[in-house]
Protein backbone atom coordinates (compact mmCIF):
# COMPACT_ATOMS: atom_id res chain seq x y z
CA MET A 1 -14.24 48.96 -14.57
CA GLU A 2 -14.74 45.31 -13.66
CA LYS A 3 -14.37 44.57 -9.97
CA PRO A 4 -11.46 42.16 -9.26
CA LEU A 5 -12.19 38.73 -7.85
CA SER A 6 -11.96 38.33 -4.10
CA ILE A 7 -8.96 36.36 -2.82
CA MET A 8 -11.32 33.51 -1.91
CA ALA A 9 -12.73 33.52 -5.44
CA VAL A 10 -9.17 33.50 -6.86
CA LYS A 11 -8.33 30.43 -4.78
CA GLU A 12 -11.49 28.69 -5.97
CA LEU A 13 -10.68 29.59 -9.58
CA LEU A 14 -7.19 28.13 -9.24
CA THR A 15 -8.65 24.78 -8.18
CA THR A 16 -10.15 24.55 -11.69
CA ILE A 17 -6.88 25.32 -13.50
CA GLU A 18 -4.66 22.32 -14.23
CA HIS A 19 -2.24 23.59 -16.88
CA PRO A 20 0.22 26.53 -16.88
CA SER A 21 -0.93 27.53 -20.38
CA ASP A 22 -4.47 28.24 -19.18
CA GLU A 23 -5.31 31.79 -20.33
CA ARG A 24 -7.05 32.59 -17.03
CA LEU A 25 -3.63 32.67 -15.38
CA LEU A 26 -2.66 35.79 -17.34
CA ALA A 27 -5.10 38.01 -15.49
CA LEU A 28 -4.17 36.50 -12.14
CA LYS A 29 -0.44 37.01 -12.75
CA ALA A 30 -1.13 40.66 -13.59
CA ASP A 31 -2.94 41.13 -10.27
CA THR A 32 -0.55 42.85 -7.85
CA ARG A 33 -2.39 41.95 -4.65
CA LYS A 34 -0.26 39.99 -2.18
CA GLY A 35 -3.04 37.47 -1.55
CA VAL A 36 -3.23 36.65 -5.25
CA GLY A 37 0.54 36.18 -5.44
CA THR A 38 0.44 33.84 -2.45
CA ALA A 39 -2.42 31.86 -4.00
CA LEU A 40 -0.50 31.54 -7.28
CA LYS A 41 2.61 30.26 -5.49
CA ALA A 42 0.52 27.66 -3.67
CA TRP A 43 -1.05 26.62 -7.00
CA GLU A 44 2.39 26.29 -8.61
CA LYS A 45 3.56 24.06 -5.73
CA ARG A 46 0.48 21.85 -6.09
CA LEU A 47 1.06 21.62 -9.84
CA GLU A 48 4.72 20.68 -9.33
CA LYS A 49 3.77 18.00 -6.79
CA LYS A 50 1.16 16.59 -9.17
CA GLN A 51 3.68 16.51 -12.02
CA LEU A 52 6.17 14.64 -9.85
CA LEU A 53 3.48 12.17 -8.82
CA GLU A 54 2.54 11.65 -12.47
CA GLU A 55 6.18 11.07 -13.44
CA ASN A 56 6.62 8.51 -10.66
CA TYR A 57 3.29 6.91 -11.55
CA GLN A 58 4.30 6.45 -15.18
CA LYS A 59 7.68 5.07 -14.11
CA MET A 60 5.99 2.49 -11.86
CA LEU A 61 3.67 1.46 -14.69
CA GLN A 62 6.39 0.69 -17.25
CA ILE A 63 6.49 -3.07 -16.60
CA GLU A 64 2.71 -3.39 -16.76
CA LYS A 65 2.55 -1.30 -19.95
CA HIS A 66 5.15 -3.52 -21.62
CA LEU A 67 3.14 -6.63 -20.73
CA TRP A 68 -0.16 -5.06 -21.84
CA ALA A 69 1.44 -4.03 -25.15
CA ASN A 70 2.38 -7.68 -25.69
CA GLY A 71 -1.20 -8.84 -25.30
CA ILE A 72 -1.03 -9.86 -21.64
CA GLN A 73 -4.20 -8.35 -20.20
CA PHE A 74 -4.35 -9.65 -16.64
CA VAL A 75 -1.17 -8.78 -14.72
CA ALA A 76 -1.25 -9.52 -10.98
CA GLY A 77 0.97 -7.66 -8.55
CA ILE A 78 1.68 -9.62 -5.37
CA ASP A 79 3.11 -8.46 -2.04
CA GLU A 80 3.19 -9.50 1.60
CA VAL A 81 2.99 -7.83 4.99
CA GLY A 82 3.91 -9.31 8.34
CA ARG A 83 7.05 -11.38 7.95
CA GLY A 84 8.82 -9.68 10.84
CA PRO A 85 6.25 -9.44 13.68
CA LEU A 86 6.29 -11.68 16.73
CA ALA A 87 2.52 -12.18 16.58
CA GLY A 88 -0.31 -12.50 14.10
CA PRO A 89 -0.51 -13.82 10.55
CA VAL A 90 1.43 -13.06 7.41
CA VAL A 91 -0.97 -11.46 4.92
CA THR A 92 -0.56 -11.26 1.15
CA ALA A 93 -2.54 -9.58 -1.60
CA ALA A 94 -2.74 -10.14 -5.35
CA VAL A 95 -4.13 -7.21 -7.35
CA ILE A 96 -5.00 -6.98 -11.05
CA LEU A 97 -5.39 -3.38 -12.22
CA PRO A 98 -7.28 -2.21 -15.31
CA GLN A 99 -5.29 -0.50 -18.05
CA ASP A 100 -7.13 2.80 -17.48
CA PHE A 101 -6.36 2.80 -13.75
CA HIS A 102 -5.07 6.22 -12.68
CA VAL A 103 -4.56 6.86 -8.96
CA LEU A 104 -1.42 8.98 -8.67
CA GLU A 105 -0.59 8.64 -4.98
CA ILE A 106 -0.13 4.88 -4.94
CA ASN A 107 3.31 4.01 -3.63
CA ASP A 108 5.02 1.51 -1.35
CA SER A 109 2.64 1.21 1.63
CA LYS A 110 5.50 1.88 4.08
CA GLN A 111 5.91 5.37 2.60
CA LEU A 112 2.27 6.35 3.28
CA SER A 113 0.40 7.50 6.37
CA SER A 114 -2.29 5.20 7.74
CA GLU A 115 -4.96 7.70 6.67
CA LYS A 116 -3.63 7.80 3.10
CA ARG A 117 -3.38 4.00 3.00
CA ASP A 118 -7.02 3.70 4.05
CA GLN A 119 -8.08 6.16 1.34
CA LEU A 120 -6.06 4.37 -1.35
CA PHE A 121 -7.28 0.98 -0.10
CA ASP A 122 -10.86 2.08 -0.80
CA GLU A 123 -9.91 3.39 -4.26
CA ILE A 124 -8.10 0.18 -5.16
CA GLN A 125 -11.04 -1.91 -3.93
CA ALA A 126 -13.40 0.16 -6.09
CA LYS A 127 -11.30 0.22 -9.28
CA ALA A 128 -9.21 -2.97 -9.42
CA LEU A 129 -10.29 -5.72 -11.80
CA ALA A 130 -9.58 -8.37 -9.17
CA ILE A 131 -8.19 -8.71 -5.63
CA GLY A 132 -7.19 -11.87 -3.79
CA ILE A 133 -6.10 -12.09 -0.14
CA GLY A 134 -3.95 -14.83 1.38
CA VAL A 135 -3.56 -15.33 5.14
CA LYS A 136 -1.36 -17.81 7.00
CA GLU A 137 -1.73 -17.79 10.75
CA HIS A 138 0.99 -18.03 13.40
CA SER A 139 0.50 -21.80 13.68
CA VAL A 140 1.40 -22.29 9.99
CA ILE A 141 4.38 -19.95 10.36
CA ASP A 142 5.62 -22.03 13.30
CA GLU A 143 5.10 -25.25 11.36
CA VAL A 144 6.76 -24.42 8.03
CA ASN A 145 8.77 -21.18 8.80
CA ILE A 146 7.92 -17.62 7.80
CA TYR A 147 9.45 -17.81 4.31
CA GLN A 148 7.44 -20.87 3.31
CA ALA A 149 4.30 -19.51 4.99
CA THR A 150 4.66 -16.33 2.92
CA LYS A 151 4.85 -18.39 -0.26
CA LEU A 152 1.74 -20.35 0.75
CA ALA A 153 -0.11 -17.10 1.50
CA MET A 154 0.89 -15.68 -1.92
CA LEU A 155 -0.34 -18.81 -3.68
CA GLU A 156 -3.61 -18.54 -1.74
CA ALA A 157 -4.01 -14.90 -2.79
CA ILE A 158 -3.53 -15.90 -6.45
CA GLN A 159 -6.06 -18.73 -6.11
CA LYS A 160 -8.61 -16.32 -4.63
CA LEU A 161 -8.42 -13.93 -7.60
CA PRO A 162 -11.80 -14.01 -9.41
CA ILE A 163 -9.89 -13.51 -12.68
CA ALA A 164 -7.09 -15.91 -13.66
CA PRO A 165 -3.85 -13.91 -13.97
CA GLU A 166 -1.72 -14.32 -17.10
CA HIS A 167 1.47 -12.93 -15.53
CA LEU A 168 2.68 -12.39 -11.96
CA LEU A 169 4.81 -9.52 -10.66
CA ILE A 170 6.05 -10.56 -7.22
CA ASP A 171 7.95 -8.58 -4.63
CA ALA A 172 11.27 -10.42 -4.12
CA MET A 173 9.86 -13.95 -4.26
CA GLN A 174 9.70 -16.90 -6.66
CA LEU A 175 6.58 -19.05 -6.47
CA PRO A 176 6.04 -22.70 -7.48
CA THR A 177 3.40 -22.03 -10.14
CA SER A 178 3.10 -22.51 -13.89
CA ILE A 179 1.93 -18.92 -14.36
CA PRO A 180 4.71 -16.78 -15.90
CA GLN A 181 6.25 -14.65 -13.20
CA GLU A 182 8.80 -11.95 -12.54
CA SER A 183 10.45 -11.40 -9.16
CA LEU A 184 11.32 -7.77 -8.47
CA ILE A 185 13.60 -6.65 -5.63
CA LYS A 186 11.88 -3.67 -3.96
CA GLY A 187 8.99 -4.38 -6.29
CA ASP A 188 6.61 -2.10 -4.40
CA ALA A 189 8.73 0.83 -5.63
CA LYS A 190 9.01 -0.46 -9.22
CA SER A 191 5.56 -1.81 -10.08
CA LEU A 192 2.21 -0.09 -9.57
CA SER A 193 0.45 -3.46 -9.27
CA ILE A 194 2.81 -4.59 -6.50
CA ALA A 195 2.48 -1.21 -4.75
CA ALA A 196 -1.32 -1.56 -4.86
CA ALA A 197 -1.00 -5.09 -3.44
CA SER A 198 1.25 -3.81 -0.64
CA ILE A 199 -1.43 -1.28 0.37
CA VAL A 200 -4.22 -3.86 0.31
CA ALA A 201 -2.15 -6.34 2.34
CA LYS A 202 -1.01 -3.72 4.85
CA VAL A 203 -4.48 -2.28 5.52
CA THR A 204 -5.99 -5.77 5.72
CA ARG A 205 -3.41 -6.94 8.26
CA ASP A 206 -3.49 -3.73 10.32
CA ARG A 207 -7.26 -4.09 10.70
CA MET A 208 -6.84 -7.72 11.76
CA MET A 209 -4.25 -6.71 14.37
CA ALA A 210 -6.52 -3.95 15.69
CA GLU A 211 -9.18 -6.60 16.24
CA TYR A 212 -6.63 -8.86 17.96
CA ASP A 213 -5.74 -5.91 20.20
CA ARG A 214 -9.31 -5.94 21.51
CA LEU A 215 -9.14 -9.69 22.08
CA TYR A 216 -5.67 -9.66 23.65
CA PRO A 217 -5.04 -6.24 25.22
CA GLY A 218 -1.76 -5.25 26.79
CA TYR A 219 0.61 -5.90 23.88
CA GLY A 220 -0.20 -2.80 21.82
CA PHE A 221 -1.17 -4.79 18.71
CA ALA A 222 -3.29 -1.92 17.33
CA GLN A 223 -0.24 0.34 17.34
CA ASN A 224 2.66 -2.03 16.63
CA ALA A 225 0.86 -4.65 14.45
CA GLY A 226 2.70 -7.37 16.36
CA TYR A 227 6.24 -6.08 15.83
CA GLY A 228 8.64 -6.28 18.76
CA THR A 229 8.24 -2.77 20.13
CA LYS A 230 9.01 -1.84 23.74
CA VAL A 231 5.31 -1.95 24.65
CA HIS A 232 4.92 -5.37 23.02
CA LEU A 233 8.00 -6.84 24.73
CA GLU A 234 6.87 -5.44 28.08
CA GLY A 235 3.47 -7.06 27.55
CA LEU A 236 5.15 -10.33 26.67
CA GLU A 237 7.18 -10.09 29.88
CA THR A 238 4.25 -9.29 32.18
CA LEU A 239 1.34 -11.10 30.50
CA GLY A 240 3.18 -14.00 28.88
CA VAL A 241 2.46 -15.53 25.49
CA CYS A 242 -0.99 -14.98 23.96
CA PRO A 243 -2.77 -17.28 21.47
CA ILE A 244 -1.52 -15.45 18.35
CA HIS A 245 2.18 -15.27 19.23
CA ARG A 246 4.66 -17.03 16.93
CA HIS A 247 6.38 -19.64 19.09
CA SER A 248 9.27 -20.05 16.65
CA PHE A 249 10.35 -16.40 16.95
CA ALA A 250 13.13 -15.89 19.51
CA PRO A 251 11.55 -13.45 22.03
CA VAL A 252 8.41 -15.61 22.22
CA ARG A 253 10.38 -18.88 22.28
CA ASN A 254 12.58 -17.55 25.08
CA ARG A 255 9.50 -16.55 27.09
CA LEU A 256 7.95 -20.00 26.62
CA GLN A 257 11.09 -21.65 27.98
CA LEU A 258 10.49 -19.88 31.29
CA TYR A 259 7.23 -21.74 31.84
């Protein structure tokens, strides 16, 4: 009589099974050991999660697939991060994905942990056809306002793409460019290209703000990315305005008026 697999070996075997019709499951389902039953339940949960991710992935790729099917090869998703903070730049990213791109966990960057964003950032960097980054510092934001600075940063990101895009998918923004474009409200939840751009922009800006935190300690920039948290406002109160604060934003403007 053949000796049954150890529970550890069952778990390892299940990592190689990706479809419920796999014949190897028959023997495992016939195994009455509690550990095997537990391992099977865990496998079923992982499979269900993967199926949901795949469904969402395909849903978020519908716009790109329609454009690809119509002969438009280079579709750039564009998103921004940093319109609301009191300090630091607004950062945008433009990302062109290949048609065989398949990274299931890409989603709106705000829905992901920082660790997952970092992991996906590396995958996007490795697999994207092209990435462009646009940055407009606090001084530009103060000069032209945050909305216009965001547009300028998006145009910069497009210009920095090493491949000329044939169509733009933009998160809730219209840009003054001759390139055909589509503005999508909550685009980072509707378009995979925009979601990828949101991750690239978010990670890029967070790393910039972590560096600023070392240069200008006391405001919590590494943790709050320049948003008006309690720690940040307390730092503004005790330390005053630092070189990367946006003078046109009310809490900073009010603090400057005290000088």
